[in-house]
Amino acid sequence: MRGLGRIGGIEGFREGEIRRQASARVTVSTPGQGFTDITASVADFLRRSGIGQGLLTLFCRHTSASLTIQENADPDVRSDLMTALDGLAPRLPGGGYIHAAEGPDDMPAHIRTLLTDSGLTIPVTDGRLVLGTWQGIYLIEHRDRPHRRDIVLHVAGE
């Protein structure tokens, strides 16, 4: 990678090519609805990949769970976010949704995944995730009961 200094108002612009790639699958056991911090597992994968500069992609292989980057300092933030999701995609009395074959928590889980996301992309610099001071990577379980969720990780860079 070649450092080019300041170019067109962009500080620290660097140019390079993809020379290495690594991928893995992480299985996350959830206790049921809520946030599960997966930052350490993702950082461990990145460390083992040996890639110093590049781009990391995470993909959740489920339609009733999702991924997010969120505050990792105050757990009240995650509690309030769950309350907000309950308001946006409530479990309706008697179901209330046409799709109810998998129980009353399934359709709200699909809506919550639609509102959040199934994938994330994070820059990598000096072999580390470029996250903010108070950011962590979370799997959000939207179903009531525990599940095992597969997350695919892929990093490309040099």
N, C-alpha and C. Protein backbone atom coordinates (compact mmCIF):
# COMPACT_ATOMS: atom_id res chain seq x y z
N MET A 1 0.84 -1.16 0.00
CA MET A 1 0.00 0.00 0.00
C MET A 1 0.89 1.23 0.00
N ARG A 2 0.57 2.18 -0.81
CA ARG A 2 1.37 3.38 -0.96
C ARG A 2 0.67 4.56 -0.30
N GLY A 3 1.34 5.21 0.64
CA GLY A 3 0.78 6.39 1.29
C GLY A 3 0.90 7.60 0.38
N LEU A 4 -0.20 8.32 0.19
CA LEU A 4 -0.19 9.45 -0.71
C LEU A 4 -0.43 10.77 -0.01
N GLY A 5 -0.47 10.78 1.32
CA GLY A 5 -0.68 12.03 2.04
C GLY A 5 -2.07 12.60 1.83
N ARG A 6 -2.14 13.90 1.65
CA ARG A 6 -3.42 14.59 1.51
C ARG A 6 -3.74 14.77 0.03
N ILE A 7 -4.89 14.25 -0.40
CA ILE A 7 -5.30 14.36 -1.80
C ILE A 7 -6.75 14.81 -1.83
N GLY A 8 -7.02 15.90 -2.54
CA GLY A 8 -8.39 16.36 -2.74
C GLY A 8 -9.19 16.52 -1.46
N GLY A 9 -8.57 16.99 -0.38
CA GLY A 9 -9.29 17.19 0.87
C GLY A 9 -9.42 15.94 1.71
N ILE A 10 -8.87 14.81 1.26
CA ILE A 10 -8.94 13.56 2.02
C ILE A 10 -7.61 13.35 2.73
N GLU A 11 -7.63 13.36 4.03
CA GLU A 11 -6.42 13.20 4.83
C GLU A 11 -6.02 11.73 4.89
N GLY A 12 -4.73 11.44 4.73
CA GLY A 12 -4.22 10.09 4.89
C GLY A 12 -4.64 9.13 3.80
N PHE A 13 -4.93 9.63 2.62
CA PHE A 13 -5.35 8.76 1.51
C PHE A 13 -4.24 7.76 1.21
N ARG A 14 -4.63 6.48 1.09
CA ARG A 14 -3.67 5.42 0.77
C ARG A 14 -4.25 4.58 -0.35
N GLU A 15 -3.37 4.11 -1.19
CA GLU A 15 -3.77 3.32 -2.34
C GLU A 15 -3.14 1.94 -2.21
N GLY A 16 -3.87 0.92 -2.58
CA GLY A 16 -3.31 -0.42 -2.50
C GLY A 16 -4.11 -1.39 -3.34
N GLU A 17 -3.83 -2.65 -3.16
CA GLU A 17 -4.56 -3.68 -3.89
C GLU A 17 -4.87 -4.82 -2.95
N ILE A 18 -5.87 -5.59 -3.31
CA ILE A 18 -6.22 -6.74 -2.50
C ILE A 18 -5.22 -7.85 -2.78
N ARG A 19 -4.51 -8.24 -1.74
CA ARG A 19 -3.50 -9.29 -1.90
C ARG A 19 -3.87 -10.54 -1.14
N ARG A 20 -4.74 -10.39 -0.13
CA ARG A 20 -5.11 -11.54 0.70
C ARG A 20 -6.58 -11.46 1.03
N GLN A 21 -7.14 -12.63 1.29
CA GLN A 21 -8.52 -12.73 1.73
C GLN A 21 -8.60 -13.83 2.78
N ALA A 22 -9.57 -13.71 3.65
CA ALA A 22 -9.83 -14.77 4.62
C ALA A 22 -11.32 -14.75 4.92
N SER A 23 -11.85 -15.91 5.21
CA SER A 23 -13.26 -15.99 5.58
C SER A 23 -13.46 -17.07 6.63
N ALA A 24 -14.55 -16.93 7.35
CA ALA A 24 -14.88 -17.89 8.41
C ALA A 24 -16.37 -17.77 8.72
N ARG A 25 -16.85 -18.73 9.45
CA ARG A 25 -18.23 -18.69 9.94
C ARG A 25 -18.18 -18.77 11.46
N VAL A 26 -18.90 -17.88 12.11
CA VAL A 26 -18.99 -17.86 13.56
C VAL A 26 -20.41 -18.22 13.94
N THR A 27 -20.56 -19.17 14.84
CA THR A 27 -21.89 -19.54 15.34
C THR A 27 -22.08 -18.88 16.70
N VAL A 28 -23.16 -18.14 16.82
CA VAL A 28 -23.47 -17.39 18.04
C VAL A 28 -24.71 -18.01 18.68
N SER A 29 -24.58 -18.40 19.94
CA SER A 29 -25.73 -18.89 20.70
C SER A 29 -26.36 -17.71 21.42
N THR A 30 -27.65 -17.51 21.18
CA THR A 30 -28.35 -16.39 21.81
C THR A 30 -29.24 -16.91 22.93
N PRO A 31 -29.46 -16.09 23.96
CA PRO A 31 -30.34 -16.50 25.06
C PRO A 31 -31.81 -16.23 24.76
N GLY A 32 -32.10 -15.73 23.59
CA GLY A 32 -33.44 -15.25 23.23
C GLY A 32 -33.29 -13.80 22.85
N GLN A 33 -34.40 -13.09 22.78
CA GLN A 33 -34.43 -11.71 22.31
C GLN A 33 -33.40 -10.82 23.03
N GLY A 34 -32.66 -10.06 22.24
CA GLY A 34 -31.70 -9.12 22.80
C GLY A 34 -30.42 -9.03 21.99
N PHE A 35 -29.48 -8.25 22.53
CA PHE A 35 -28.20 -7.98 21.88
C PHE A 35 -27.13 -8.93 22.42
N THR A 36 -26.35 -9.53 21.53
CA THR A 36 -25.21 -10.36 21.92
C THR A 36 -23.96 -9.73 21.31
N ASP A 37 -23.02 -9.35 22.16
CA ASP A 37 -21.79 -8.70 21.72
C ASP A 37 -20.87 -9.73 21.05
N ILE A 38 -20.54 -9.50 19.79
CA ILE A 38 -19.66 -10.42 19.06
C ILE A 38 -18.34 -9.74 18.67
N THR A 39 -18.08 -8.56 19.23
CA THR A 39 -16.89 -7.80 18.86
C THR A 39 -15.60 -8.59 19.06
N ALA A 40 -15.46 -9.26 20.20
CA ALA A 40 -14.23 -10.00 20.49
C ALA A 40 -14.02 -11.14 19.49
N SER A 41 -15.08 -11.85 19.13
CA SER A 41 -14.95 -12.94 18.15
C SER A 41 -14.53 -12.42 16.78
N VAL A 42 -15.10 -11.29 16.39
CA VAL A 42 -14.76 -10.70 15.10
C VAL A 42 -13.32 -10.20 15.11
N ALA A 43 -12.90 -9.55 16.19
CA ALA A 43 -11.51 -9.07 16.30
C ALA A 43 -10.53 -10.23 16.30
N ASP A 44 -10.90 -11.34 16.93
CA ASP A 44 -10.03 -12.53 16.94
C ASP A 44 -9.86 -13.08 15.52
N PHE A 45 -10.97 -13.18 14.78
CA PHE A 45 -10.89 -13.62 13.39
C PHE A 45 -9.96 -12.71 12.59
N LEU A 46 -10.12 -11.39 12.75
CA LEU A 46 -9.30 -10.44 12.02
C LEU A 46 -7.82 -10.61 12.38
N ARG A 47 -7.52 -10.76 13.66
CA ARG A 47 -6.15 -10.95 14.12
C ARG A 47 -5.54 -12.20 13.48
N ARG A 48 -6.30 -13.29 13.47
CA ARG A 48 -5.81 -14.55 12.89
C ARG A 48 -5.66 -14.48 11.38
N SER A 49 -6.41 -13.58 10.72
CA SER A 49 -6.32 -13.47 9.26
C SER A 49 -4.97 -12.90 8.82
N GLY A 50 -4.35 -12.09 9.68
CA GLY A 50 -3.08 -11.47 9.34
C GLY A 50 -3.19 -10.29 8.40
N ILE A 51 -4.40 -9.86 8.10
CA ILE A 51 -4.60 -8.73 7.19
C ILE A 51 -4.52 -7.43 7.97
N GLY A 52 -3.69 -6.51 7.49
CA GLY A 52 -3.47 -5.25 8.19
C GLY A 52 -4.33 -4.11 7.69
N GLN A 53 -4.58 -4.05 6.40
CA GLN A 53 -5.37 -2.98 5.79
C GLN A 53 -6.40 -3.63 4.89
N GLY A 54 -7.65 -3.20 5.01
CA GLY A 54 -8.65 -3.77 4.12
C GLY A 54 -10.06 -3.47 4.57
N LEU A 55 -10.94 -4.38 4.23
CA LEU A 55 -12.36 -4.22 4.49
C LEU A 55 -12.93 -5.54 4.98
N LEU A 56 -13.63 -5.48 6.10
CA LEU A 56 -14.26 -6.66 6.70
C LEU A 56 -15.75 -6.60 6.45
N THR A 57 -16.31 -7.71 6.01
CA THR A 57 -17.75 -7.82 5.80
C THR A 57 -18.29 -8.90 6.72
N LEU A 58 -19.42 -8.62 7.36
CA LEU A 58 -20.12 -9.60 8.19
C LEU A 58 -21.51 -9.78 7.60
N PHE A 59 -22.00 -11.02 7.59
CA PHE A 59 -23.33 -11.30 7.05
C PHE A 59 -24.04 -12.30 7.95
N CYS A 60 -25.24 -11.95 8.38
CA CYS A 60 -26.07 -12.83 9.20
C CYS A 60 -26.96 -13.66 8.28
N ARG A 61 -26.88 -14.98 8.41
CA ARG A 61 -27.58 -15.88 7.49
C ARG A 61 -29.00 -16.21 7.96
N HIS A 62 -29.69 -15.25 8.54
CA HIS A 62 -31.02 -15.50 9.09
C HIS A 62 -31.93 -14.31 8.82
N THR A 63 -33.25 -14.56 8.77
CA THR A 63 -34.21 -13.49 8.51
C THR A 63 -34.92 -13.03 9.78
N SER A 64 -34.58 -13.60 10.92
CA SER A 64 -35.20 -13.16 12.18
C SER A 64 -34.14 -12.79 13.22
N ALA A 65 -32.95 -12.46 12.75
CA ALA A 65 -31.86 -11.93 13.58
C ALA A 65 -31.10 -10.96 12.68
N SER A 66 -30.36 -10.03 13.29
CA SER A 66 -29.66 -9.03 12.49
C SER A 66 -28.37 -8.60 13.16
N LEU A 67 -27.65 -7.74 12.46
CA LEU A 67 -26.37 -7.22 12.95
C LEU A 67 -26.46 -5.71 13.10
N THR A 68 -25.71 -5.17 14.04
CA THR A 68 -25.63 -3.72 14.19
C THR A 68 -24.32 -3.33 14.86
N ILE A 69 -23.92 -2.10 14.65
CA ILE A 69 -22.84 -1.48 15.42
C ILE A 69 -23.54 -0.50 16.34
N GLN A 70 -23.27 -0.63 17.64
CA GLN A 70 -24.00 0.18 18.61
C GLN A 70 -23.11 0.49 19.80
N GLU A 71 -23.57 1.39 20.66
CA GLU A 71 -22.81 1.76 21.85
C GLU A 71 -22.55 0.54 22.73
N ASN A 72 -21.30 0.46 23.22
CA ASN A 72 -20.94 -0.68 24.08
C ASN A 72 -20.65 -0.27 25.52
N ALA A 73 -20.88 1.00 25.85
CA ALA A 73 -20.55 1.47 27.20
C ALA A 73 -21.72 1.33 28.18
N ASP A 74 -22.88 1.79 27.79
CA ASP A 74 -24.03 1.80 28.69
C ASP A 74 -25.08 0.80 28.21
N PRO A 75 -25.31 -0.30 28.95
CA PRO A 75 -26.28 -1.31 28.52
C PRO A 75 -27.71 -0.77 28.44
N ASP A 76 -27.98 0.36 29.08
CA ASP A 76 -29.31 0.96 28.99
C ASP A 76 -29.65 1.34 27.55
N VAL A 77 -28.63 1.66 26.75
CA VAL A 77 -28.87 1.98 25.34
C VAL A 77 -29.50 0.78 24.64
N ARG A 78 -28.95 -0.40 24.86
CA ARG A 78 -29.48 -1.60 24.20
C ARG A 78 -30.88 -1.92 24.72
N SER A 79 -31.14 -1.70 25.99
CA SER A 79 -32.49 -1.91 26.54
C SER A 79 -33.48 -0.95 25.88
N ASP A 80 -33.09 0.31 25.76
CA ASP A 80 -33.97 1.29 25.13
C ASP A 80 -34.19 0.97 23.65
N LEU A 81 -33.16 0.46 22.97
CA LEU A 81 -33.33 0.08 21.58
C LEU A 81 -34.31 -1.08 21.44
N MET A 82 -34.26 -2.05 22.36
CA MET A 82 -35.22 -3.15 22.32
C MET A 82 -36.64 -2.62 22.54
N THR A 83 -36.80 -1.67 23.45
CA THR A 83 -38.11 -1.05 23.69
C THR A 83 -38.60 -0.35 22.42
N ALA A 84 -37.69 0.36 21.74
CA ALA A 84 -38.06 1.04 20.50
C ALA A 84 -38.49 0.03 19.43
N LEU A 85 -37.74 -1.07 19.30
CA LEU A 85 -38.12 -2.10 18.33
C LEU A 85 -39.47 -2.73 18.68
N ASP A 86 -39.74 -2.89 19.98
CA ASP A 86 -41.06 -3.41 20.40
C ASP A 86 -42.17 -2.48 19.94
N GLY A 87 -41.91 -1.18 19.98
CA GLY A 87 -42.91 -0.21 19.53
C GLY A 87 -43.08 -0.19 18.02
N LEU A 88 -42.00 -0.38 17.30
CA LEU A 88 -42.04 -0.35 15.84
C LEU A 88 -42.59 -1.64 15.23
N ALA A 89 -42.34 -2.76 15.87
CA ALA A 89 -42.78 -4.07 15.36
C ALA A 89 -43.30 -4.90 16.54
N PRO A 90 -44.48 -4.54 17.05
CA PRO A 90 -44.99 -5.21 18.26
C PRO A 90 -45.47 -6.63 17.99
N ARG A 91 -45.46 -7.41 19.05
CA ARG A 91 -46.12 -8.70 19.02
C ARG A 91 -47.60 -8.42 19.27
N LEU A 92 -48.41 -8.66 18.28
CA LEU A 92 -49.82 -8.30 18.37
C LEU A 92 -50.63 -9.38 19.07
N PRO A 93 -51.62 -9.00 19.89
CA PRO A 93 -52.46 -10.00 20.56
C PRO A 93 -53.15 -10.89 19.52
N GLY A 94 -53.11 -12.18 19.76
CA GLY A 94 -53.72 -13.13 18.84
C GLY A 94 -52.99 -13.23 17.52
N GLY A 95 -51.78 -12.76 17.46
CA GLY A 95 -51.00 -12.81 16.22
C GLY A 95 -51.11 -11.50 15.47
N GLY A 96 -52.25 -11.30 14.80
CA GLY A 96 -52.48 -10.04 14.10
C GLY A 96 -51.80 -9.94 12.75
N TYR A 97 -50.80 -10.76 12.51
CA TYR A 97 -50.13 -10.76 11.22
C TYR A 97 -50.62 -11.95 10.40
N ILE A 98 -50.58 -11.83 9.10
CA ILE A 98 -50.99 -12.94 8.23
C ILE A 98 -50.00 -14.09 8.39
N HIS A 99 -48.68 -13.78 8.37
CA HIS A 99 -47.66 -14.81 8.56
C HIS A 99 -47.54 -15.09 10.06
N ALA A 100 -48.06 -16.23 10.47
CA ALA A 100 -48.01 -16.59 11.89
C ALA A 100 -47.68 -18.06 12.08
N ALA A 101 -47.21 -18.72 11.03
CA ALA A 101 -46.96 -20.16 11.07
C ALA A 101 -45.91 -20.56 12.10
N GLU A 102 -44.97 -19.67 12.40
CA GLU A 102 -43.89 -20.00 13.33
C GLU A 102 -44.05 -19.34 14.69
N GLY A 103 -45.22 -18.84 14.98
CA GLY A 103 -45.48 -18.25 16.29
C GLY A 103 -45.61 -16.75 16.24
N PRO A 104 -46.11 -16.16 17.33
CA PRO A 104 -46.39 -14.72 17.36
C PRO A 104 -45.14 -13.83 17.37
N ASP A 105 -43.97 -14.41 17.62
CA ASP A 105 -42.75 -13.59 17.62
C ASP A 105 -42.04 -13.60 16.25
N ASP A 106 -42.52 -14.42 15.30
CA ASP A 106 -41.79 -14.57 14.04
C ASP A 106 -41.95 -13.39 13.10
N MET A 107 -43.17 -12.96 12.82
CA MET A 107 -43.34 -11.83 11.90
C MET A 107 -42.74 -10.55 12.47
N PRO A 108 -42.93 -10.24 13.76
CA PRO A 108 -42.23 -9.06 14.29
C PRO A 108 -40.71 -9.18 14.14
N ALA A 109 -40.18 -10.40 14.25
CA ALA A 109 -38.73 -10.60 14.08
C ALA A 109 -38.31 -10.25 12.66
N HIS A 110 -39.12 -10.64 11.67
CA HIS A 110 -38.80 -10.30 10.28
C HIS A 110 -38.83 -8.78 10.07
N ILE A 111 -39.80 -8.11 10.65
CA ILE A 111 -39.89 -6.65 10.52
C ILE A 111 -38.68 -5.98 11.17
N ARG A 112 -38.28 -6.47 12.33
CA ARG A 112 -37.14 -5.90 13.04
C ARG A 112 -35.84 -6.09 12.26
N THR A 113 -35.71 -7.23 11.58
CA THR A 113 -34.53 -7.44 10.72
C THR A 113 -34.56 -6.48 9.55
N LEU A 114 -35.74 -6.23 8.99
CA LEU A 114 -35.87 -5.26 7.91
C LEU A 114 -35.45 -3.87 8.37
N LEU A 115 -35.78 -3.51 9.60
CA LEU A 115 -35.45 -2.19 10.14
C LEU A 115 -33.97 -2.04 10.52
N THR A 116 -33.33 -3.15 10.83
CA THR A 116 -31.91 -3.12 11.20
C THR A 116 -31.13 -3.55 9.96
N ASP A 117 -30.37 -4.65 10.00
CA ASP A 117 -29.67 -5.07 8.79
C ASP A 117 -29.10 -6.47 8.95
N SER A 118 -28.89 -7.13 7.83
CA SER A 118 -28.30 -8.47 7.86
C SER A 118 -26.80 -8.44 7.59
N GLY A 119 -26.27 -7.28 7.22
CA GLY A 119 -24.85 -7.20 6.91
C GLY A 119 -24.21 -5.91 7.40
N LEU A 120 -22.90 -5.99 7.64
CA LEU A 120 -22.10 -4.83 8.05
C LEU A 120 -20.79 -4.83 7.28
N THR A 121 -20.23 -3.66 7.08
CA THR A 121 -18.91 -3.52 6.48
C THR A 121 -18.10 -2.58 7.38
N ILE A 122 -16.90 -3.03 7.75
CA ILE A 122 -16.06 -2.26 8.67
C ILE A 122 -14.65 -2.16 8.09
N PRO A 123 -14.10 -0.95 8.02
CA PRO A 123 -12.71 -0.80 7.57
C PRO A 123 -11.73 -1.43 8.56
N VAL A 124 -10.59 -1.85 8.04
CA VAL A 124 -9.51 -2.42 8.85
C VAL A 124 -8.26 -1.60 8.59
N THR A 125 -7.64 -1.14 9.66
CA THR A 125 -6.38 -0.39 9.57
C THR A 125 -5.43 -0.91 10.63
N ASP A 126 -4.20 -1.13 10.26
CA ASP A 126 -3.17 -1.65 11.18
C ASP A 126 -3.64 -2.91 11.89
N GLY A 127 -4.37 -3.76 11.18
CA GLY A 127 -4.82 -5.04 11.72
C GLY A 127 -5.95 -4.94 12.73
N ARG A 128 -6.58 -3.77 12.81
CA ARG A 128 -7.63 -3.56 13.81
C ARG A 128 -8.91 -3.05 13.15
N LEU A 129 -10.04 -3.38 13.77
CA LEU A 129 -11.32 -2.84 13.33
C LEU A 129 -11.32 -1.33 13.55
N VAL A 130 -11.77 -0.58 12.58
CA VAL A 130 -11.85 0.87 12.72
C VAL A 130 -13.24 1.20 13.28
N LEU A 131 -13.38 0.98 14.59
CA LEU A 131 -14.62 1.30 15.29
C LEU A 131 -14.38 2.51 16.17
N GLY A 132 -15.44 3.23 16.47
CA GLY A 132 -15.34 4.35 17.39
C GLY A 132 -15.12 3.86 18.82
N THR A 133 -14.74 4.78 19.69
CA THR A 133 -14.42 4.46 21.08
C THR A 133 -15.52 3.67 21.77
N TRP A 134 -16.77 4.02 21.55
CA TRP A 134 -17.88 3.40 22.28
C TRP A 134 -18.70 2.47 21.40
N GLN A 135 -18.10 1.95 20.32
CA GLN A 135 -18.85 1.08 19.41
C GLN A 135 -18.48 -0.39 19.61
N GLY A 136 -19.49 -1.23 19.52
CA GLY A 136 -19.31 -2.67 19.53
C GLY A 136 -20.16 -3.28 18.43
N ILE A 137 -19.84 -4.52 18.06
CA ILE A 137 -20.59 -5.24 17.03
C ILE A 137 -21.53 -6.21 17.73
N TYR A 138 -22.81 -6.17 17.36
CA TYR A 138 -23.81 -6.98 18.03
C TYR A 138 -24.66 -7.78 17.05
N LEU A 139 -24.97 -9.00 17.46
CA LEU A 139 -26.02 -9.77 16.82
C LEU A 139 -27.29 -9.45 17.61
N ILE A 140 -28.35 -9.09 16.94
CA ILE A 140 -29.62 -8.85 17.61
C ILE A 140 -30.53 -10.05 17.34
N GLU A 141 -30.87 -10.75 18.39
CA GLU A 141 -31.84 -11.86 18.29
C GLU A 141 -33.23 -11.25 18.42
N HIS A 142 -34.07 -11.52 17.43
CA HIS A 142 -35.42 -10.96 17.44
C HIS A 142 -36.49 -11.97 17.86
N ARG A 143 -36.10 -13.22 18.01
CA ARG A 143 -37.06 -14.25 18.46
C ARG A 143 -36.97 -14.40 19.98
N ASP A 144 -38.04 -14.93 20.57
CA ASP A 144 -38.10 -15.05 22.03
C ASP A 144 -37.23 -16.16 22.60
N ARG A 145 -37.14 -17.26 21.88
CA ARG A 145 -36.39 -18.39 22.44
C ARG A 145 -34.94 -18.38 21.96
N PRO A 146 -34.05 -19.09 22.64
CA PRO A 146 -32.63 -19.17 22.23
C PRO A 146 -32.48 -19.77 20.83
N HIS A 147 -31.49 -19.31 20.13
CA HIS A 147 -31.16 -19.82 18.79
C HIS A 147 -29.65 -19.90 18.63
N ARG A 148 -29.24 -20.65 17.62
CA ARG A 148 -27.84 -20.65 17.18
C ARG A 148 -27.83 -19.97 15.82
N ARG A 149 -27.10 -18.86 15.74
CA ARG A 149 -27.09 -18.05 14.54
C ARG A 149 -25.71 -18.07 13.88
N ASP A 150 -25.70 -18.21 12.56
CA ASP A 150 -24.45 -18.25 11.80
C ASP A 150 -24.15 -16.88 11.22
N ILE A 151 -22.93 -16.42 11.45
CA ILE A 151 -22.45 -15.16 10.89
C ILE A 151 -21.26 -15.49 10.00
N VAL A 152 -21.29 -15.03 8.76
CA VAL A 152 -20.18 -15.24 7.83
C VAL A 152 -19.30 -13.99 7.86
N LEU A 153 -18.00 -14.20 8.04
CA LEU A 153 -17.02 -13.12 8.08
C LEU A 153 -16.12 -13.24 6.86
N HIS A 154 -15.81 -12.12 6.23
CA HIS A 154 -14.89 -12.12 5.10
C HIS A 154 -14.08 -10.83 5.15
N VAL A 155 -12.76 -10.96 5.09
CA VAL A 155 -11.90 -9.79 5.06
C VAL A 155 -11.01 -9.87 3.82
N ALA A 156 -10.86 -8.74 3.16
CA ALA A 156 -10.00 -8.66 1.98
C ALA A 156 -9.10 -7.45 2.14
N GLY A 157 -7.83 -7.61 1.80
CA GLY A 157 -6.90 -6.50 1.93
C GLY A 157 -5.47 -6.97 1.77
N GLU A 158 -4.59 -6.34 2.53
CA GLU A 158 -3.18 -6.71 2.46
C GLU A 158 -2.57 -6.65 3.84
